[in-house]
Amino acid sequence: MSLLIHLAWTFALLSILAVGGGTAVLPEMQTILAHQFGIDHTQFVHIYSIGQLAPGPNMLMVLVIGYQIAGLIGAGVVLLSFFLPSSLMCFYMGRLWNRFGESPWRRSIQNALEPISIGLMCSGVYAVAQASVVSSTTLALSLITFYLILRTKINPVLVILGSGGSGALLMAYLQ
């Protein structure tokens, strides 16, 4: 039971810290999962990849984390504790935000939070890249995937699946 409480508390705090979206807390989530729950960086990257491919919000990956740590009940606990606090906070802050209207204070706060959000998201991307780019092969695949997603109209899911399949084939061939 204490494991479930620990999971709930951990993911509730991560939920509140997720300024700018779930990507903002990826580095902290990765560190906490490694130190407190025994999920190493490679497992985290695999779980994150599943979240990117699954339909819906990519942070549904927390369900997989909860399931891996404490089974089906753990998945439910993590789902509620990760999405409920930030949703409630967003709801009430949105109502408060609308009261300010077009106040100069509202615009100042918004301008201040934008670079913070972008920085936190970049930090999350960096954390995932650091754990997943481990060789010249993975670097090349990452750069090709990045280029194809930015410069072509190919569905990103197909690009990511193709990159994953190519990586699997290359790794099998190189070993």
C-alpha atoms as a PDB file:
ATOM      1  CA  MET A   1       0.000   0.000   0.000  1.00  0.00           C
ATOM      2  CA  SER A   2       2.848   2.414   0.758  1.00  0.00           C
ATOM      3  CA  LEU A   3       4.176   1.846  -2.789  1.00  0.00           C
ATOM      4  CA  LEU A   4       0.865   3.075  -4.215  1.00  0.00           C
ATOM      5  CA  ILE A   5       0.894   6.135  -1.957  1.00  0.00           C
ATOM      6  CA  HIS A   6       4.480   6.843  -2.967  1.00  0.00           C
ATOM      7  CA  LEU A   7       3.515   6.512  -6.651  1.00  0.00           C
ATOM      8  CA  ALA A   8       0.511   8.807  -6.193  1.00  0.00           C
ATOM      9  CA  TRP A   9       2.531  11.450  -4.358  1.00  0.00           C
ATOM     10  CA  THR A  10       5.402  11.327  -6.863  1.00  0.00           C
ATOM     11  CA  PHE A  11       3.212  11.650  -9.941  1.00  0.00           C
ATOM     12  CA  ALA A  12       0.981  14.302  -8.350  1.00  0.00           C
ATOM     13  CA  LEU A  13       4.076  16.459  -7.769  1.00  0.00           C
ATOM     14  CA  LEU A  14       5.266  15.821 -11.326  1.00  0.00           C
ATOM     15  CA  SER A  15       1.806  16.802 -12.553  1.00  0.00           C
ATOM     16  CA  ILE A  16       1.962  20.158 -10.808  1.00  0.00           C
ATOM     17  CA  LEU A  17       5.499  20.779 -12.088  1.00  0.00           C
ATOM     18  CA  ALA A  18       4.479  20.093 -15.699  1.00  0.00           C
ATOM     19  CA  VAL A  19       4.521  23.740 -16.780  1.00  0.00           C
ATOM     20  CA  GLY A  20       4.237  23.814 -20.552  1.00  0.00           C
ATOM     21  CA  GLY A  21       3.218  20.180 -20.890  1.00  0.00           C
ATOM     22  CA  GLY A  22       4.418  16.773 -19.831  1.00  0.00           C
ATOM     23  CA  THR A  23       7.657  17.055 -21.775  1.00  0.00           C
ATOM     24  CA  ALA A  24       8.765  19.670 -19.269  1.00  0.00           C
ATOM     25  CA  VAL A  25       9.031  17.101 -16.461  1.00  0.00           C
ATOM     26  CA  LEU A  26      10.716  14.304 -18.429  1.00  0.00           C
ATOM     27  CA  PRO A  27      14.225  14.862 -16.988  1.00  0.00           C
ATOM     28  CA  GLU A  28      12.902  14.941 -13.427  1.00  0.00           C
ATOM     29  CA  MET A  29      10.611  11.965 -14.085  1.00  0.00           C
ATOM     30  CA  GLN A  30      13.516  10.002 -15.545  1.00  0.00           C
ATOM     31  CA  THR A  31      15.702  10.735 -12.517  1.00  0.00           C
ATOM     32  CA  ILE A  32      12.997   9.915  -9.968  1.00  0.00           C
ATOM     33  CA  LEU A  33      12.066   6.683 -11.710  1.00  0.00           C
ATOM     34  CA  ALA A  34      15.696   5.594 -11.807  1.00  0.00           C
ATOM     35  CA  HIS A  35      16.439   6.383  -8.165  1.00  0.00           C
ATOM     36  CA  GLN A  36      13.173   5.504  -6.464  1.00  0.00           C
ATOM     37  CA  PHE A  37      11.541   2.848  -8.637  1.00  0.00           C
ATOM     38  CA  GLY A  38      14.418   1.113 -10.443  1.00  0.00           C
ATOM     39  CA  ILE A  39      13.414   2.057 -14.002  1.00  0.00           C
ATOM     40  CA  ASP A  40      16.657   2.721 -15.839  1.00  0.00           C
ATOM     41  CA  HIS A  41      17.162   5.219 -18.666  1.00  0.00           C
ATOM     42  CA  THR A  42      16.836   2.606 -21.412  1.00  0.00           C
ATOM     43  CA  GLN A  43      13.502   1.376 -20.064  1.00  0.00           C
ATOM     44  CA  PHE A  44      12.354   4.981 -19.749  1.00  0.00           C
ATOM     45  CA  VAL A  45      13.220   5.737 -23.377  1.00  0.00           C
ATOM     46  CA  HIS A  46      11.344   2.612 -24.504  1.00  0.00           C
ATOM     47  CA  ILE A  47       8.280   3.626 -22.487  1.00  0.00           C
ATOM     48  CA  TYR A  48       8.524   7.177 -23.828  1.00  0.00           C
ATOM     49  CA  SER A  49       8.687   5.822 -27.392  1.00  0.00           C
ATOM     50  CA  ILE A  50       5.505   3.838 -26.836  1.00  0.00           C
ATOM     51  CA  GLY A  51       3.851   7.020 -25.588  1.00  0.00           C
ATOM     52  CA  GLN A  52       4.875   8.865 -28.741  1.00  0.00           C
ATOM     53  CA  LEU A  53       3.341   6.235 -31.006  1.00  0.00           C
ATOM     54  CA  ALA A  54       0.120   5.677 -29.069  1.00  0.00           C
ATOM     55  CA  PRO A  55      -2.905   7.735 -30.068  1.00  0.00           C
ATOM     56  CA  GLY A  56      -3.908  10.511 -27.712  1.00  0.00           C
ATOM     57  CA  PRO A  57      -1.711  12.485 -25.342  1.00  0.00           C
ATOM     58  CA  ASN A  58       1.846  11.163 -25.344  1.00  0.00           C
ATOM     59  CA  MET A  59       2.017  11.452 -21.567  1.00  0.00           C
ATOM     60  CA  LEU A  60      -0.331   8.480 -21.320  1.00  0.00           C
ATOM     61  CA  MET A  61       3.020   6.722 -21.125  1.00  0.00           C
ATOM     62  CA  VAL A  62       2.719   7.175 -17.366  1.00  0.00           C
ATOM     63  CA  LEU A  63       0.172   4.338 -17.436  1.00  0.00           C
ATOM     64  CA  VAL A  64       2.891   1.983 -18.657  1.00  0.00           C
ATOM     65  CA  ILE A  65       5.199   3.219 -15.910  1.00  0.00           C
ATOM     66  CA  GLY A  66       2.549   2.670 -13.244  1.00  0.00           C
ATOM     67  CA  TYR A  67       1.779  -0.774 -14.639  1.00  0.00           C
ATOM     68  CA  GLN A  68       5.445  -1.736 -14.677  1.00  0.00           C
ATOM     69  CA  ILE A  69       5.914  -0.635 -11.063  1.00  0.00           C
ATOM     70  CA  ALA A  70       2.676  -1.832  -9.424  1.00  0.00           C
ATOM     71  CA  GLY A  71       0.511  -3.625 -11.965  1.00  0.00           C
ATOM     72  CA  LEU A  72      -2.974  -2.595 -13.032  1.00  0.00           C
ATOM     73  CA  ILE A  73      -3.721  -0.768  -9.782  1.00  0.00           C
ATOM     74  CA  GLY A  74      -0.445   1.143 -10.136  1.00  0.00           C
ATOM     75  CA  ALA A  75      -1.455   2.211 -13.645  1.00  0.00           C
ATOM     76  CA  GLY A  76      -4.750   3.571 -12.319  1.00  0.00           C
ATOM     77  CA  VAL A  77      -3.096   5.366  -9.420  1.00  0.00           C
ATOM     78  CA  VAL A  78      -0.514   6.973 -11.689  1.00  0.00           C
ATOM     79  CA  LEU A  79      -3.165   7.951 -14.242  1.00  0.00           C
ATOM     80  CA  LEU A  80      -5.251   9.782 -11.644  1.00  0.00           C
ATOM     81  CA  SER A  81      -2.345  11.314  -9.772  1.00  0.00           C
ATOM     82  CA  PHE A  82      -0.599  12.579 -12.917  1.00  0.00           C
ATOM     83  CA  PHE A  83      -3.605  14.028 -14.741  1.00  0.00           C
ATOM     84  CA  LEU A  84      -6.018  15.099 -12.002  1.00  0.00           C
ATOM     85  CA  PRO A  85      -3.932  17.727 -10.080  1.00  0.00           C
ATOM     86  CA  SER A  86      -2.787  19.565 -13.206  1.00  0.00           C
ATOM     87  CA  SER A  87      -6.278  19.394 -14.731  1.00  0.00           C
ATOM     88  CA  LEU A  88      -7.864  20.877 -11.622  1.00  0.00           C
ATOM     89  CA  MET A  89      -5.165  23.518 -11.375  1.00  0.00           C
ATOM     90  CA  CYS A  90      -5.610  24.364 -15.066  1.00  0.00           C
ATOM     91  CA  PHE A  91      -9.379  24.617 -14.689  1.00  0.00           C
ATOM     92  CA  TYR A  92      -9.242  27.001 -11.735  1.00  0.00           C
ATOM     93  CA  MET A  93      -6.304  29.017 -13.047  1.00  0.00           C
ATOM     94  CA  GLY A  94      -8.117  29.359 -16.389  1.00  0.00           C
ATOM     95  CA  ARG A  95     -11.108  30.833 -14.616  1.00  0.00           C
ATOM     96  CA  LEU A  96      -8.863  33.222 -12.697  1.00  0.00           C
ATOM     97  CA  TRP A  97      -6.931  34.032 -15.874  1.00  0.00           C
ATOM     98  CA  ASN A  98     -10.139  35.065 -17.649  1.00  0.00           C
ATOM     99  CA  ARG A  99     -10.951  37.498 -14.831  1.00  0.00           C
ATOM    100  CA  PHE A 100      -7.807  39.462 -15.641  1.00  0.00           C
ATOM    101  CA  GLY A 101      -9.068  40.105 -19.180  1.00  0.00           C
ATOM    102  CA  GLU A 102      -6.554  42.126 -21.138  1.00  0.00           C
ATOM    103  CA  SER A 103      -4.741  43.474 -18.099  1.00  0.00           C
ATOM    104  CA  PRO A 104      -1.080  44.448 -18.586  1.00  0.00           C
ATOM    105  CA  TRP A 105      -0.229  42.109 -15.679  1.00  0.00           C
ATOM    106  CA  ARG A 106      -1.733  39.162 -17.552  1.00  0.00           C
ATOM    107  CA  ARG A 107       0.371  39.851 -20.638  1.00  0.00           C
ATOM    108  CA  SER A 108       3.528  40.289 -18.506  1.00  0.00           C
ATOM    109  CA  ILE A 109       2.990  36.974 -16.743  1.00  0.00           C
ATOM    110  CA  GLN A 110       2.265  35.244 -20.036  1.00  0.00           C
ATOM    111  CA  ASN A 111       5.395  36.703 -21.638  1.00  0.00           C
ATOM    112  CA  ALA A 112       7.485  35.563 -18.668  1.00  0.00           C
ATOM    113  CA  LEU A 113       6.130  31.998 -18.710  1.00  0.00           C
ATOM    114  CA  GLU A 114       6.615  31.394 -22.439  1.00  0.00           C
ATOM    115  CA  PRO A 115      10.450  31.073 -22.421  1.00  0.00           C
ATOM    116  CA  ILE A 116      10.300  29.042 -19.211  1.00  0.00           C
ATOM    117  CA  SER A 117       7.917  26.568 -20.849  1.00  0.00           C
ATOM    118  CA  ILE A 118      10.043  26.332 -23.975  1.00  0.00           C
ATOM    119  CA  GLY A 119      13.192  25.806 -21.895  1.00  0.00           C
ATOM    120  CA  LEU A 120      11.564  23.041 -19.872  1.00  0.00           C
ATOM    121  CA  MET A 121      10.352  21.285 -23.023  1.00  0.00           C
ATOM    122  CA  CYS A 122      13.834  21.514 -24.564  1.00  0.00           C
ATOM    123  CA  SER A 123      15.235  20.053 -21.353  1.00  0.00           C
ATOM    124  CA  GLY A 124      12.855  17.100 -21.701  1.00  0.00           C
ATOM    125  CA  VAL A 125      13.854  16.503 -25.301  1.00  0.00           C
ATOM    126  CA  TYR A 126      17.532  16.680 -24.319  1.00  0.00           C
ATOM    127  CA  ALA A 127      17.047  14.124 -21.530  1.00  0.00           C
ATOM    128  CA  VAL A 128      15.406  11.640 -23.882  1.00  0.00           C
ATOM    129  CA  ALA A 129      18.013  12.252 -26.598  1.00  0.00           C
ATOM    130  CA  GLN A 130      20.869  11.817 -24.137  1.00  0.00           C
ATOM    131  CA  ALA A 131      19.548   8.408 -23.107  1.00  0.00           C
ATOM    132  CA  SER A 132      18.656   7.223 -26.613  1.00  0.00           C
ATOM    133  CA  VAL A 133      21.524   8.510 -28.787  1.00  0.00           C
ATOM    134  CA  VAL A 134      24.219   6.088 -27.714  1.00  0.00           C
ATOM    135  CA  SER A 135      26.146   5.367 -30.914  1.00  0.00           C
ATOM    136  CA  SER A 136      26.869   6.795 -34.344  1.00  0.00           C
ATOM    137  CA  THR A 137      24.027   4.631 -35.721  1.00  0.00           C
ATOM    138  CA  THR A 138      21.451   6.040 -33.319  1.00  0.00           C
ATOM    139  CA  LEU A 139      22.759   9.562 -33.942  1.00  0.00           C
ATOM    140  CA  ALA A 140      22.394   9.129 -37.715  1.00  0.00           C
ATOM    141  CA  LEU A 141      18.895   7.681 -37.333  1.00  0.00           C
ATOM    142  CA  SER A 142      17.916  10.538 -35.023  1.00  0.00           C
ATOM    143  CA  LEU A 143      19.146  13.201 -37.421  1.00  0.00           C
ATOM    144  CA  ILE A 144      17.483  11.558 -40.434  1.00  0.00           C
ATOM    145  CA  THR A 145      14.224  11.198 -38.517  1.00  0.00           C
ATOM    146  CA  PHE A 146      14.401  14.822 -37.354  1.00  0.00           C
ATOM    147  CA  TYR A 147      15.023  15.995 -40.921  1.00  0.00           C
ATOM    148  CA  LEU A 148      12.173  13.916 -42.378  1.00  0.00           C
ATOM    149  CA  ILE A 149       9.689  15.110 -39.762  1.00  0.00           C
ATOM    150  CA  LEU A 150      10.620  18.770 -40.311  1.00  0.00           C
ATOM    151  CA  ARG A 151      11.072  18.838 -44.092  1.00  0.00           C
ATOM    152  CA  THR A 152       8.591  16.330 -45.528  1.00  0.00           C
ATOM    153  CA  LYS A 153       4.878  15.760 -45.321  1.00  0.00           C
ATOM    154  CA  ILE A 154       5.284  12.100 -44.381  1.00  0.00           C
ATOM    155  CA  ASN A 155       3.184  11.150 -41.369  1.00  0.00           C
ATOM    156  CA  PRO A 156       5.524  11.405 -38.331  1.00  0.00           C
ATOM    157  CA  VAL A 157       4.243   8.075 -36.999  1.00  0.00           C
ATOM    158  CA  LEU A 158       5.428   6.375 -40.192  1.00  0.00           C
ATOM    159  CA  VAL A 159       8.783   8.148 -39.989  1.00  0.00           C
ATOM    160  CA  ILE A 160       9.269   7.083 -36.363  1.00  0.00           C
ATOM    161  CA  LEU A 161       8.181   3.496 -37.065  1.00  0.00           C
ATOM    162  CA  GLY A 162      10.466   3.375 -40.092  1.00  0.00           C
ATOM    163  CA  SER A 163      13.357   4.724 -38.060  1.00  0.00           C
ATOM    164  CA  GLY A 164      12.709   2.204 -35.290  1.00  0.00           C
ATOM    165  CA  GLY A 165      12.535  -0.665 -37.781  1.00  0.00           C
ATOM    166  CA  SER A 166      15.684   0.531 -39.534  1.00  0.00           C
ATOM    167  CA  GLY A 167      17.439   0.824 -36.180  1.00  0.00           C
ATOM    168  CA  ALA A 168      16.432  -2.711 -35.211  1.00  0.00           C
ATOM    169  CA  LEU A 169      17.695  -4.086 -38.527  1.00  0.00           C
ATOM    170  CA  LEU A 170      20.950  -2.120 -38.324  1.00  0.00           C
ATOM    171  CA  MET A 171      21.588  -3.194 -34.740  1.00  0.00           C
ATOM    172  CA  ALA A 172      20.938  -6.827 -35.613  1.00  0.00           C
ATOM    173  CA  TYR A 173      23.199  -6.569 -38.668  1.00  0.00           C
ATOM    174  CA  LEU A 174      26.010  -4.796 -36.824  1.00  0.00           C
ATOM    175  CA  GLN A 175      26.149  -7.346 -33.992  1.00  0.00           C
END
